[in-house]
Amino acid sequence: MDQSEKLLMGIENILSVASDLVDEVARLKSVEEECKILKEKVFMNSLLKQNKKFLLLLLMVILFQRYKTFSRKKSARLRIKEEVS
């Protein structure tokens, strides 16, 4: 094998490695994009869970306030009824 054949084989080898590196970079970019999407999904899930907890707490507060109002009105009606009797 002469020197030019060795040189050509070396160049082919370098081109093959370069092609593999380009493929790997493309794969890594794809993985990076997938990671970003998964992070966004995790964030949105967390946000939704927090919103659900907040809305549930808000609903409980509203129901408690309505119950207090109802109880006060009922107590007032009972007092009026007792005073009339």
Protein backbone atom coordinates (compact mmCIF):
# COMPACT_ATOMS: atom_id res chain seq x y z
CA MET A 1 0.00 0.00 0.00
CA ASP A 2 1.50 3.28 -0.98
CA GLN A 3 1.30 6.56 0.87
CA SER A 4 -1.57 8.01 -1.21
CA GLU A 5 -3.75 4.95 -0.46
CA LYS A 6 -3.01 5.31 3.27
CA LEU A 7 -3.87 8.99 3.04
CA LEU A 8 -7.17 8.23 1.29
CA MET A 9 -8.05 5.62 3.92
CA GLY A 10 -7.25 8.15 6.66
CA ILE A 11 -9.47 10.76 5.00
CA GLU A 12 -12.30 8.21 4.65
CA ASN A 13 -11.88 7.35 8.30
CA ILE A 14 -12.02 11.03 9.32
CA LEU A 15 -15.11 11.59 7.15
CA SER A 16 -16.80 8.57 8.73
CA VAL A 17 -16.05 9.86 12.25
CA ALA A 18 -17.26 13.35 11.24
CA SER A 19 -20.49 11.87 9.88
CA ASP A 20 -21.00 9.92 13.12
CA LEU A 21 -20.42 13.12 15.11
CA VAL A 22 -22.96 15.04 13.01
CA ASP A 23 -25.50 12.26 13.61
CA GLU A 24 -24.76 12.30 17.35
CA VAL A 25 -25.15 16.09 17.54
CA ALA A 26 -28.53 15.81 15.78
CA ARG A 27 -29.60 13.10 18.23
CA LEU A 28 -28.47 15.18 21.22
CA LYS A 29 -30.39 18.20 19.94
CA SER A 30 -33.47 16.02 19.64
CA VAL A 31 -32.98 14.75 23.20
CA GLU A 32 -32.46 18.33 24.43
CA GLU A 33 -35.72 19.42 22.79
CA GLU A 34 -37.54 16.45 24.32
CA CYS A 35 -36.13 17.39 27.76
CA LYS A 36 -37.40 20.95 27.35
CA ILE A 37 -40.85 19.66 26.46
CA LEU A 38 -40.86 17.31 29.46
CA LYS A 39 -39.76 20.13 31.79
CA GLU A 40 -42.62 22.29 30.49
CA LYS A 41 -45.08 19.44 31.03
CA VAL A 42 -43.83 18.90 34.60
CA PHE A 43 -44.12 22.65 35.27
CA MET A 44 -47.66 22.79 33.86
CA ASN A 45 -48.65 19.71 35.88
CA SER A 46 -47.31 21.33 39.03
CA LEU A 47 -49.11 24.55 38.23
CA LEU A 48 -52.38 22.73 37.61
CA LYS A 49 -52.07 20.85 40.91
CA GLN A 50 -51.43 24.11 42.75
CA ASN A 51 -54.41 25.74 41.02
CA LYS A 52 -56.63 22.79 41.94
CA LYS A 53 -55.58 23.07 45.58
CA PHE A 54 -56.14 26.83 45.54
CA LEU A 55 -59.59 26.49 43.94
CA LEU A 56 -60.57 23.78 46.40
CA LEU A 57 -59.51 25.97 49.32
CA LEU A 58 -61.38 28.93 47.84
CA LEU A 59 -64.50 26.80 47.45
CA MET A 60 -64.23 25.64 51.07
CA VAL A 61 -63.94 29.25 52.28
CA ILE A 62 -66.98 30.30 50.24
CA LEU A 63 -69.02 27.36 51.51
CA PHE A 64 -68.00 28.11 55.09
CA GLN A 65 -69.03 31.76 54.69
CA ARG A 66 -72.39 30.74 53.26
CA TYR A 67 -72.88 28.28 56.12
CA LYS A 68 -72.10 31.03 58.65
CA THR A 69 -74.60 33.37 56.96
CA PHE A 70 -77.23 30.64 56.88
CA SER A 71 -76.61 29.80 60.56
CA ARG A 72 -76.88 33.46 61.61
CA LYS A 73 -80.15 33.88 59.72
CA LYS A 74 -81.54 30.68 61.20
CA SER A 75 -80.49 31.72 64.73
CA ALA A 76 -82.09 35.13 64.21
CA ARG A 77 -85.34 33.52 63.03
CA LEU A 78 -85.36 31.20 66.05
CA ARG A 79 -84.80 34.15 68.43
CA ILE A 80 -87.61 36.09 66.80
CA LYS A 81 -89.85 33.04 67.03
CA GLU A 82 -89.03 32.62 70.75
CA GLU A 83 -89.66 36.31 71.41
CA VAL A 84 -93.04 36.13 69.69
CA SER A 85 -94.05 33.02 71.61
